[in-house]
């Protein structure tokens, strides 16, 4: 049955159906879904759009971000390369900046930092040349590759990146890491102290404590580790495991100092 028949020939309803279908088609592209959904949505209006909304969009709306994160964590534990495969397929089907960024992030999660750095560099072109998320992703990949000067140069491409205040929390932490690797102790200390205040989770605390241990501030590092130990007792499951990872990094640096 045609769209006209399903909607009783009402032009206003047909117009709403068209707008609804276009919005869902945009969602398909932006979220990197399989392209067959476009055909279902656009050819079988409005039923195709309703099917997509119920199957894909509605679960995303009803589940909180915490539930989605736990699901992603579980999937990653069972099949670490699944997200990479899906992101690569989406990028090959639709090589948008969003899909390139998704693939770069998945590559970085698997430790493929050279690939991640190249993907972020390719994505950060034209109108996206100053995209903070792309530049930060590339900077973090460069840090993992042992190229702190290149990472610092990329961070400074972020609008306002010459100073700390305008930077996003993750960029402040990357800035601190770059300065430490380059031996800029004072700048690193300032950036780490700011990152601890602004970055959620334990990574900034753990990296700052490790930095202090490596720079002769053992008492401060011990106090930071003790504080993390207290905070970890209030966490459970995945959050405790993730926090312990950064606590152990700091403890290791302290033992080697």
C-alpha atoms as a PDB file:
ATOM      1  CA  UNK A   1       0.000   0.000   0.000  1.00  0.00           C
ATOM      2  CA  UNK A   2       1.278   3.472  -0.841  1.00  0.00           C
ATOM      3  CA  UNK A   3       2.059   6.211   1.645  1.00  0.00           C
ATOM      4  CA  UNK A   4      -0.928   8.133   0.303  1.00  0.00           C
ATOM      5  CA  UNK A   5      -3.242   5.198   1.011  1.00  0.00           C
ATOM      6  CA  UNK A   6      -1.880   4.527   4.496  1.00  0.00           C
ATOM      7  CA  UNK A   7      -2.357   8.131   5.510  1.00  0.00           C
ATOM      8  CA  UNK A   8      -5.814   8.456   4.034  1.00  0.00           C
ATOM      9  CA  UNK A   9      -4.725  10.927   1.394  1.00  0.00           C
ATOM     10  CA  UNK A  10      -4.188  13.698   3.941  1.00  0.00           C
ATOM     11  CA  UNK A  11      -1.522  16.100   2.717  1.00  0.00           C
ATOM     12  CA  UNK A  12      -0.589  17.339   6.233  1.00  0.00           C
ATOM     13  CA  UNK A  13      -0.075  13.754   7.386  1.00  0.00           C
ATOM     14  CA  UNK A  14       1.960  12.981   4.294  1.00  0.00           C
ATOM     15  CA  UNK A  15       4.132  15.994   5.034  1.00  0.00           C
ATOM     16  CA  UNK A  16       4.651  14.860   8.643  1.00  0.00           C
ATOM     17  CA  UNK A  17       5.495  11.361   7.420  1.00  0.00           C
ATOM     18  CA  UNK A  18       8.099  12.784   5.048  1.00  0.00           C
ATOM     19  CA  UNK A  19       9.689  14.912   7.788  1.00  0.00           C
ATOM     20  CA  UNK A  20       9.691  11.903  10.148  1.00  0.00           C
ATOM     21  CA  UNK A  21      11.354   9.720   7.508  1.00  0.00           C
ATOM     22  CA  UNK A  22      14.002  12.329   6.704  1.00  0.00           C
ATOM     23  CA  UNK A  23      14.823  12.740  10.413  1.00  0.00           C
ATOM     24  CA  UNK A  24      15.231   8.991  10.800  1.00  0.00           C
ATOM     25  CA  UNK A  25      17.360   8.807   7.654  1.00  0.00           C
ATOM     26  CA  UNK A  26      19.657  11.457   9.132  1.00  0.00           C
ATOM     27  CA  UNK A  27      19.849   9.381  12.333  1.00  0.00           C
ATOM     28  CA  UNK A  28      20.890   6.329  10.304  1.00  0.00           C
ATOM     29  CA  UNK A  29      23.758   8.219   8.669  1.00  0.00           C
ATOM     30  CA  UNK A  30      24.945  10.044  11.780  1.00  0.00           C
ATOM     31  CA  UNK A  31      24.990   6.939  13.979  1.00  0.00           C
ATOM     32  CA  UNK A  32      26.663   4.774  11.332  1.00  0.00           C
ATOM     33  CA  UNK A  33      23.791   2.258  11.037  1.00  0.00           C
ATOM     34  CA  UNK A  34      23.603  -0.254   8.213  1.00  0.00           C
ATOM     35  CA  UNK A  35      22.488   1.448   5.009  1.00  0.00           C
ATOM     36  CA  UNK A  36      19.649  -0.997   4.374  1.00  0.00           C
ATOM     37  CA  UNK A  37      17.722   0.962   7.000  1.00  0.00           C
ATOM     38  CA  UNK A  38      17.621   3.891   4.600  1.00  0.00           C
ATOM     39  CA  UNK A  39      15.783   1.779   2.050  1.00  0.00           C
ATOM     40  CA  UNK A  40      13.347   0.473   4.648  1.00  0.00           C
ATOM     41  CA  UNK A  41      12.616   3.974   5.954  1.00  0.00           C
ATOM     42  CA  UNK A  42      12.280   5.739   2.614  1.00  0.00           C
ATOM     43  CA  UNK A  43      10.575   3.090   0.495  1.00  0.00           C
ATOM     44  CA  UNK A  44       8.094   1.738   3.031  1.00  0.00           C
ATOM     45  CA  UNK A  45       6.833   5.009   4.480  1.00  0.00           C
ATOM     46  CA  UNK A  46       5.592   5.366   7.149  1.00  0.00           C
ATOM     47  CA  UNK A  47       5.769   1.743   8.364  1.00  0.00           C
ATOM     48  CA  UNK A  48       9.503   1.430   7.664  1.00  0.00           C
ATOM     49  CA  UNK A  49      10.199   4.485   9.776  1.00  0.00           C
ATOM     50  CA  UNK A  50       8.054   3.133  12.608  1.00  0.00           C
ATOM     51  CA  UNK A  51       9.941  -0.166  12.526  1.00  0.00           C
ATOM     52  CA  UNK A  52      13.299   1.654  12.707  1.00  0.00           C
ATOM     53  CA  UNK A  53      12.072   3.922  15.510  1.00  0.00           C
ATOM     54  CA  UNK A  54      10.828   0.985  17.615  1.00  0.00           C
ATOM     55  CA  UNK A  55      13.829  -1.260  16.909  1.00  0.00           C
ATOM     56  CA  UNK A  56      16.660   1.276  17.109  1.00  0.00           C
ATOM     57  CA  UNK A  57      15.730   4.738  18.367  1.00  0.00           C
ATOM     58  CA  UNK A  58      13.304   3.871  21.181  1.00  0.00           C
ATOM     59  CA  UNK A  59      15.726   1.552  23.045  1.00  0.00           C
ATOM     60  CA  UNK A  60      18.352   4.323  22.924  1.00  0.00           C
ATOM     61  CA  UNK A  61      15.897   6.793  24.420  1.00  0.00           C
ATOM     62  CA  UNK A  62      14.622   4.498  27.177  1.00  0.00           C
ATOM     63  CA  UNK A  63      18.003   3.251  28.352  1.00  0.00           C
ATOM     64  CA  UNK A  64      20.137   5.605  30.384  1.00  0.00           C
ATOM     65  CA  UNK A  65      23.742   6.406  29.510  1.00  0.00           C
ATOM     66  CA  UNK A  66      24.909   4.201  32.389  1.00  0.00           C
ATOM     67  CA  UNK A  67      23.062   1.185  31.013  1.00  0.00           C
ATOM     68  CA  UNK A  68      24.447   1.788  27.538  1.00  0.00           C
ATOM     69  CA  UNK A  69      27.975   2.090  28.930  1.00  0.00           C
ATOM     70  CA  UNK A  70      27.643  -1.168  30.872  1.00  0.00           C
ATOM     71  CA  UNK A  71      26.344  -2.908  27.757  1.00  0.00           C
ATOM     72  CA  UNK A  72      29.267  -1.586  25.715  1.00  0.00           C
ATOM     73  CA  UNK A  73      31.700  -2.727  28.432  1.00  0.00           C
ATOM     74  CA  UNK A  74      30.225  -6.218  28.469  1.00  0.00           C
ATOM     75  CA  UNK A  75      30.349  -6.445  24.678  1.00  0.00           C
ATOM     76  CA  UNK A  76      33.960  -5.257  24.662  1.00  0.00           C
ATOM     77  CA  UNK A  77      34.949  -7.868  27.250  1.00  0.00           C
ATOM     78  CA  UNK A  78      33.351 -10.727  25.295  1.00  0.00           C
ATOM     79  CA  UNK A  79      34.545  -9.581  21.875  1.00  0.00           C
ATOM     80  CA  UNK A  80      37.149  -6.783  22.094  1.00  0.00           C
ATOM     81  CA  UNK A  81      37.395  -6.377  18.324  1.00  0.00           C
ATOM     82  CA  UNK A  82      33.641  -6.229  17.641  1.00  0.00           C
ATOM     83  CA  UNK A  83      33.352  -2.451  17.805  1.00  0.00           C
ATOM     84  CA  UNK A  84      36.400  -2.113  15.554  1.00  0.00           C
ATOM     85  CA  UNK A  85      34.881  -4.450  12.951  1.00  0.00           C
ATOM     86  CA  UNK A  86      31.523  -2.674  13.034  1.00  0.00           C
ATOM     87  CA  UNK A  87      33.169   0.750  12.869  1.00  0.00           C
ATOM     88  CA  UNK A  88      35.368  -0.331   9.961  1.00  0.00           C
ATOM     89  CA  UNK A  89      32.354  -1.662   8.069  1.00  0.00           C
ATOM     90  CA  UNK A  90      30.413   1.541   8.693  1.00  0.00           C
ATOM     91  CA  UNK A  91      33.380   3.644   7.574  1.00  0.00           C
ATOM     92  CA  UNK A  92      33.789   1.614   4.382  1.00  0.00           C
ATOM     93  CA  UNK A  93      30.056   1.905   3.610  1.00  0.00           C
ATOM     94  CA  UNK A  94      29.780   5.587   4.519  1.00  0.00           C
ATOM     95  CA  UNK A  95      33.176   7.325   4.968  1.00  0.00           C
ATOM     96  CA  UNK A  96      31.850  10.267   6.949  1.00  0.00           C
ATOM     97  CA  UNK A  97      33.886  12.188   9.510  1.00  0.00           C
ATOM     98  CA  UNK A  98      31.729  10.669  12.241  1.00  0.00           C
ATOM     99  CA  UNK A  99      32.477   7.135  11.071  1.00  0.00           C
ATOM    100  CA  UNK A 100      36.184   7.893  10.672  1.00  0.00           C
ATOM    101  CA  UNK A 101      36.236   9.199  14.226  1.00  0.00           C
ATOM    102  CA  UNK A 102      34.407   6.110  15.480  1.00  0.00           C
ATOM    103  CA  UNK A 103      36.893   3.818  13.734  1.00  0.00           C
ATOM    104  CA  UNK A 104      39.833   5.814  15.099  1.00  0.00           C
ATOM    105  CA  UNK A 105      38.478   5.476  18.628  1.00  0.00           C
ATOM    106  CA  UNK A 106      37.975   1.733  18.190  1.00  0.00           C
ATOM    107  CA  UNK A 107      41.507   1.354  16.825  1.00  0.00           C
ATOM    108  CA  UNK A 108      42.908   3.226  19.822  1.00  0.00           C
ATOM    109  CA  UNK A 109      40.985   0.941  22.209  1.00  0.00           C
ATOM    110  CA  UNK A 110      42.761  -2.022  20.615  1.00  0.00           C
ATOM    111  CA  UNK A 111      46.152  -0.332  20.915  1.00  0.00           C
ATOM    112  CA  UNK A 112      46.377   0.423  17.188  1.00  0.00           C
ATOM    113  CA  UNK A 113      47.558   3.934  17.823  1.00  0.00           C
ATOM    114  CA  UNK A 114      49.336   4.472  14.517  1.00  0.00           C
ATOM    115  CA  UNK A 115      46.131   3.657  12.641  1.00  0.00           C
ATOM    116  CA  UNK A 116      44.102   5.812  15.045  1.00  0.00           C
ATOM    117  CA  UNK A 117      46.435   8.777  14.576  1.00  0.00           C
ATOM    118  CA  UNK A 118      46.203   8.540  10.795  1.00  0.00           C
ATOM    119  CA  UNK A 119      42.400   8.279  10.867  1.00  0.00           C
ATOM    120  CA  UNK A 120      42.046  11.287  13.154  1.00  0.00           C
ATOM    121  CA  UNK A 121      44.429  13.255  10.909  1.00  0.00           C
ATOM    122  CA  UNK A 122      42.402  12.357   7.811  1.00  0.00           C
ATOM    123  CA  UNK A 123      39.142  13.331   9.516  1.00  0.00           C
ATOM    124  CA  UNK A 124      40.432  16.689  10.787  1.00  0.00           C
ATOM    125  CA  UNK A 125      40.404  18.366   7.396  1.00  0.00           C
ATOM    126  CA  UNK A 126      38.508  21.278   5.865  1.00  0.00           C
ATOM    127  CA  UNK A 127      35.714  22.542   8.101  1.00  0.00           C
ATOM    128  CA  UNK A 128      36.705  19.919  10.686  1.00  0.00           C
ATOM    129  CA  UNK A 129      40.334  21.059  10.923  1.00  0.00           C
ATOM    130  CA  UNK A 130      39.751  22.629  14.345  1.00  0.00           C
ATOM    131  CA  UNK A 131      37.337  20.026  15.692  1.00  0.00           C
ATOM    132  CA  UNK A 132      38.369  19.619  19.368  1.00  0.00           C
ATOM    133  CA  UNK A 133      37.334  15.955  19.614  1.00  0.00           C
ATOM    134  CA  UNK A 134      39.286  14.937  16.517  1.00  0.00           C
ATOM    135  CA  UNK A 135      42.363  16.899  17.545  1.00  0.00           C
ATOM    136  CA  UNK A 136      42.267  15.483  21.078  1.00  0.00           C
ATOM    137  CA  UNK A 137      41.929  11.944  19.755  1.00  0.00           C
ATOM    138  CA  UNK A 138      44.924  12.480  17.508  1.00  0.00           C
ATOM    139  CA  UNK A 139      46.955  14.054  20.331  1.00  0.00           C
ATOM    140  CA  UNK A 140      46.263  11.101  22.640  1.00  0.00           C
ATOM    141  CA  UNK A 141      47.310   8.674  19.899  1.00  0.00           C
ATOM    142  CA  UNK A 142      50.535  10.621  19.386  1.00  0.00           C
ATOM    143  CA  UNK A 143      51.244  10.480  23.120  1.00  0.00           C
ATOM    144  CA  UNK A 144      50.860   6.702  23.064  1.00  0.00           C
ATOM    145  CA  UNK A 145      53.233   6.584  20.098  1.00  0.00           C
ATOM    146  CA  UNK A 146      55.891   8.474  22.085  1.00  0.00           C
ATOM    147  CA  UNK A 147      55.598  11.678  20.069  1.00  0.00           C
ATOM    148  CA  UNK A 148      54.891  14.327  22.732  1.00  0.00           C
ATOM    149  CA  UNK A 149      56.062  17.328  20.692  1.00  0.00           C
ATOM    150  CA  UNK A 150      53.724  16.393  17.849  1.00  0.00           C
ATOM    151  CA  UNK A 151      50.955  15.894  20.412  1.00  0.00           C
ATOM    152  CA  UNK A 152      51.601  19.327  21.898  1.00  0.00           C
ATOM    153  CA  UNK A 153      51.514  20.896  18.437  1.00  0.00           C
ATOM    154  CA  UNK A 154      48.138  19.267  17.770  1.00  0.00           C
ATOM    155  CA  UNK A 155      46.696  20.364  21.122  1.00  0.00           C
ATOM    156  CA  UNK A 156      47.677  23.934  20.309  1.00  0.00           C
ATOM    157  CA  UNK A 157      45.557  23.691  17.147  1.00  0.00           C
ATOM    158  CA  UNK A 158      42.453  23.351  19.325  1.00  0.00           C
ATOM    159  CA  UNK A 159      40.744  26.756  19.528  1.00  0.00           C
ATOM    160  CA  UNK A 160      42.151  28.370  22.681  1.00  0.00           C
ATOM    161  CA  UNK A 161      44.698  25.578  23.011  1.00  0.00           C
ATOM    162  CA  UNK A 162      47.550  27.989  23.779  1.00  0.00           C
ATOM    163  CA  UNK A 163      46.158  28.318  27.339  1.00  0.00           C
ATOM    164  CA  UNK A 164      44.537  25.872  29.750  1.00  0.00           C
ATOM    165  CA  UNK A 165      41.252  27.589  30.612  1.00  0.00           C
ATOM    166  CA  UNK A 166      39.355  27.135  27.310  1.00  0.00           C
ATOM    167  CA  UNK A 167      40.407  23.493  26.897  1.00  0.00           C
ATOM    168  CA  UNK A 168      38.101  20.580  27.586  1.00  0.00           C
ATOM    169  CA  UNK A 169      39.078  18.420  30.598  1.00  0.00           C
ATOM    170  CA  UNK A 170      40.520  15.624  28.448  1.00  0.00           C
ATOM    171  CA  UNK A 171      42.648  18.093  26.510  1.00  0.00           C
ATOM    172  CA  UNK A 172      44.049  19.523  29.748  1.00  0.00           C
ATOM    173  CA  UNK A 173      45.157  16.036  30.777  1.00  0.00           C
ATOM    174  CA  UNK A 174      46.729  15.414  27.372  1.00  0.00           C
ATOM    175  CA  UNK A 175      48.515  18.758  27.661  1.00  0.00           C
ATOM    176  CA  UNK A 176      49.908  17.740  31.054  1.00  0.00           C
ATOM    177  CA  UNK A 177      51.178  14.434  29.684  1.00  0.00           C
ATOM    178  CA  UNK A 178      52.835  16.130  26.711  1.00  0.00           C
ATOM    179  CA  UNK A 179      54.593  18.689  28.912  1.00  0.00           C
ATOM    180  CA  UNK A 180      55.835  15.985  31.295  1.00  0.00           C
ATOM    181  CA  UNK A 181      57.261  13.892  28.455  1.00  0.00           C
ATOM    182  CA  UNK A 182      59.042  16.972  27.119  1.00  0.00           C
ATOM    183  CA  UNK A 183      60.532  17.789  30.530  1.00  0.00           C
ATOM    184  CA  UNK A 184      58.416  20.911  31.044  1.00  0.00           C
ATOM    185  CA  UNK A 185      57.920  20.176  34.734  1.00  0.00           C
ATOM    186  CA  UNK A 186      56.290  23.442  35.809  1.00  0.00           C
ATOM    187  CA  UNK A 187      53.824  23.476  32.915  1.00  0.00           C
ATOM    188  CA  UNK A 188      53.014  19.805  33.486  1.00  0.00           C
ATOM    189  CA  UNK A 189      52.367  20.389  37.197  1.00  0.00           C
ATOM    190  CA  UNK A 190      49.986  23.253  36.451  1.00  0.00           C
ATOM    191  CA  UNK A 191      48.090  21.231  33.854  1.00  0.00           C
ATOM    192  CA  UNK A 192      47.898  18.092  36.024  1.00  0.00           C
ATOM    193  CA  UNK A 193      46.579  20.092  38.973  1.00  0.00           C
ATOM    194  CA  UNK A 194      43.874  21.568  36.727  1.00  0.00           C
ATOM    195  CA  UNK A 195      43.041  18.180  35.208  1.00  0.00           C
ATOM    196  CA  UNK A 196      42.478  16.647  38.647  1.00  0.00           C
ATOM    197  CA  UNK A 197      39.815  19.269  39.282  1.00  0.00           C
ATOM    198  CA  UNK A 198      38.084  18.847  35.941  1.00  0.00           C
ATOM    199  CA  UNK A 199      38.461  15.254  34.710  1.00  0.00           C
ATOM    200  CA  UNK A 200      35.948  12.723  35.993  1.00  0.00           C
ATOM    201  CA  UNK A 201      37.218   9.379  37.238  1.00  0.00           C
ATOM    202  CA  UNK A 202      40.646   8.312  38.476  1.00  0.00           C
ATOM    203  CA  UNK A 203      42.899   8.771  35.464  1.00  0.00           C
ATOM    204  CA  UNK A 204      43.926  12.350  36.234  1.00  0.00           C
ATOM    205  CA  UNK A 205      44.512  11.493  39.914  1.00  0.00           C
ATOM    206  CA  UNK A 206      46.603   8.463  39.032  1.00  0.00           C
ATOM    207  CA  UNK A 207      48.698  10.234  36.415  1.00  0.00           C
ATOM    208  CA  UNK A 208      49.265  13.247  38.669  1.00  0.00           C
ATOM    209  CA  UNK A 209      50.346  11.019  41.564  1.00  0.00           C
ATOM    210  CA  UNK A 210      52.750   9.179  39.236  1.00  0.00           C
ATOM    211  CA  UNK A 211      54.099  12.526  38.021  1.00  0.00           C
ATOM    212  CA  UNK A 212      54.709  13.651  41.614  1.00  0.00           C
ATOM    213  CA  UNK A 213      56.462  10.370  42.442  1.00  0.00           C
ATOM    214  CA  UNK A 214      58.764  10.753  39.445  1.00  0.00           C
ATOM    215  CA  UNK A 215      59.626  14.298  40.437  1.00  0.00           C
ATOM    216  CA  UNK A 216      60.709  13.763  44.038  1.00  0.00           C
ATOM    217  CA  UNK A 217      57.330  14.513  45.673  1.00  0.00           C
ATOM    218  CA  UNK A 218      56.874  11.099  47.271  1.00  0.00           C
ATOM    219  CA  UNK A 219      54.900  12.256  50.303  1.00  0.00           C
ATOM    220  CA  UNK A 220      52.333  13.958  48.081  1.00  0.00           C
ATOM    221  CA  UNK A 221      52.202  10.903  45.831  1.00  0.00           C
ATOM    222  CA  UNK A 222      51.629   8.585  48.819  1.00  0.00           C
ATOM    223  CA  UNK A 223      48.841  10.831  50.077  1.00  0.00           C
ATOM    224  CA  UNK A 224      47.218  10.770  46.640  1.00  0.00           C
ATOM    225  CA  UNK A 225      47.388   6.960  46.477  1.00  0.00           C
ATOM    226  CA  UNK A 226      45.905   6.701  49.975  1.00  0.00           C
ATOM    227  CA  UNK A 227      43.085   9.006  48.943  1.00  0.00           C
ATOM    228  CA  UNK A 228      42.383   6.874  45.877  1.00  0.00           C
ATOM    229  CA  UNK A 229      42.313   3.754  48.074  1.00  0.00           C
ATOM    230  CA  UNK A 230      39.598   5.329  50.228  1.00  0.00           C
ATOM    231  CA  UNK A 231      37.542   6.343  47.226  1.00  0.00           C
ATOM    232  CA  UNK A 232      37.858   2.904  45.632  1.00  0.00           C
ATOM    233  CA  UNK A 233      36.201   1.252  48.640  1.00  0.00           C
ATOM    234  CA  UNK A 234      33.004   3.113  47.728  1.00  0.00           C
ATOM    235  CA  UNK A 235      32.946   1.744  44.175  1.00  0.00           C
ATOM    236  CA  UNK A 236      32.083  -1.651  42.790  1.00  0.00           C
ATOM    237  CA  UNK A 237      32.220  -3.666  39.604  1.00  0.00           C
ATOM    238  CA  UNK A 238      33.530  -2.062  36.445  1.00  0.00           C
ATOM    239  CA  UNK A 239      34.020   1.358  38.050  1.00  0.00           C
ATOM    240  CA  UNK A 240      36.236  -0.073  40.794  1.00  0.00           C
ATOM    241  CA  UNK A 241      38.276  -2.053  38.255  1.00  0.00           C
ATOM    242  CA  UNK A 242      38.792   1.022  36.079  1.00  0.00           C
ATOM    243  CA  UNK A 243      39.758   3.166  39.076  1.00  0.00           C
ATOM    244  CA  UNK A 244      42.191   0.545  40.383  1.00  0.00           C
ATOM    245  CA  UNK A 245      43.986   0.606  37.052  1.00  0.00           C
ATOM    246  CA  UNK A 246      45.023   4.236  37.624  1.00  0.00           C
ATOM    247  CA  UNK A 247      45.664   3.730  41.332  1.00  0.00           C
ATOM    248  CA  UNK A 248      48.068   0.905  40.466  1.00  0.00           C
ATOM    249  CA  UNK A 249      49.818   3.079  37.876  1.00  0.00           C
ATOM    250  CA  UNK A 250      50.518   5.653  40.579  1.00  0.00           C
ATOM    251  CA  UNK A 251      51.617   2.998  43.097  1.00  0.00           C
ATOM    252  CA  UNK A 252      54.009   1.493  40.547  1.00  0.00           C
ATOM    253  CA  UNK A 253      55.607   4.883  39.857  1.00  0.00           C
ATOM    254  CA  UNK A 254      55.957   5.430  43.599  1.00  0.00           C
ATOM    255  CA  UNK A 255      57.658   2.072  44.115  1.00  0.00           C
ATOM    256  CA  UNK A 256      60.117   2.820  41.320  1.00  0.00           C
ATOM    257  CA  UNK A 257      60.910   6.365  42.417  1.00  0.00           C
END
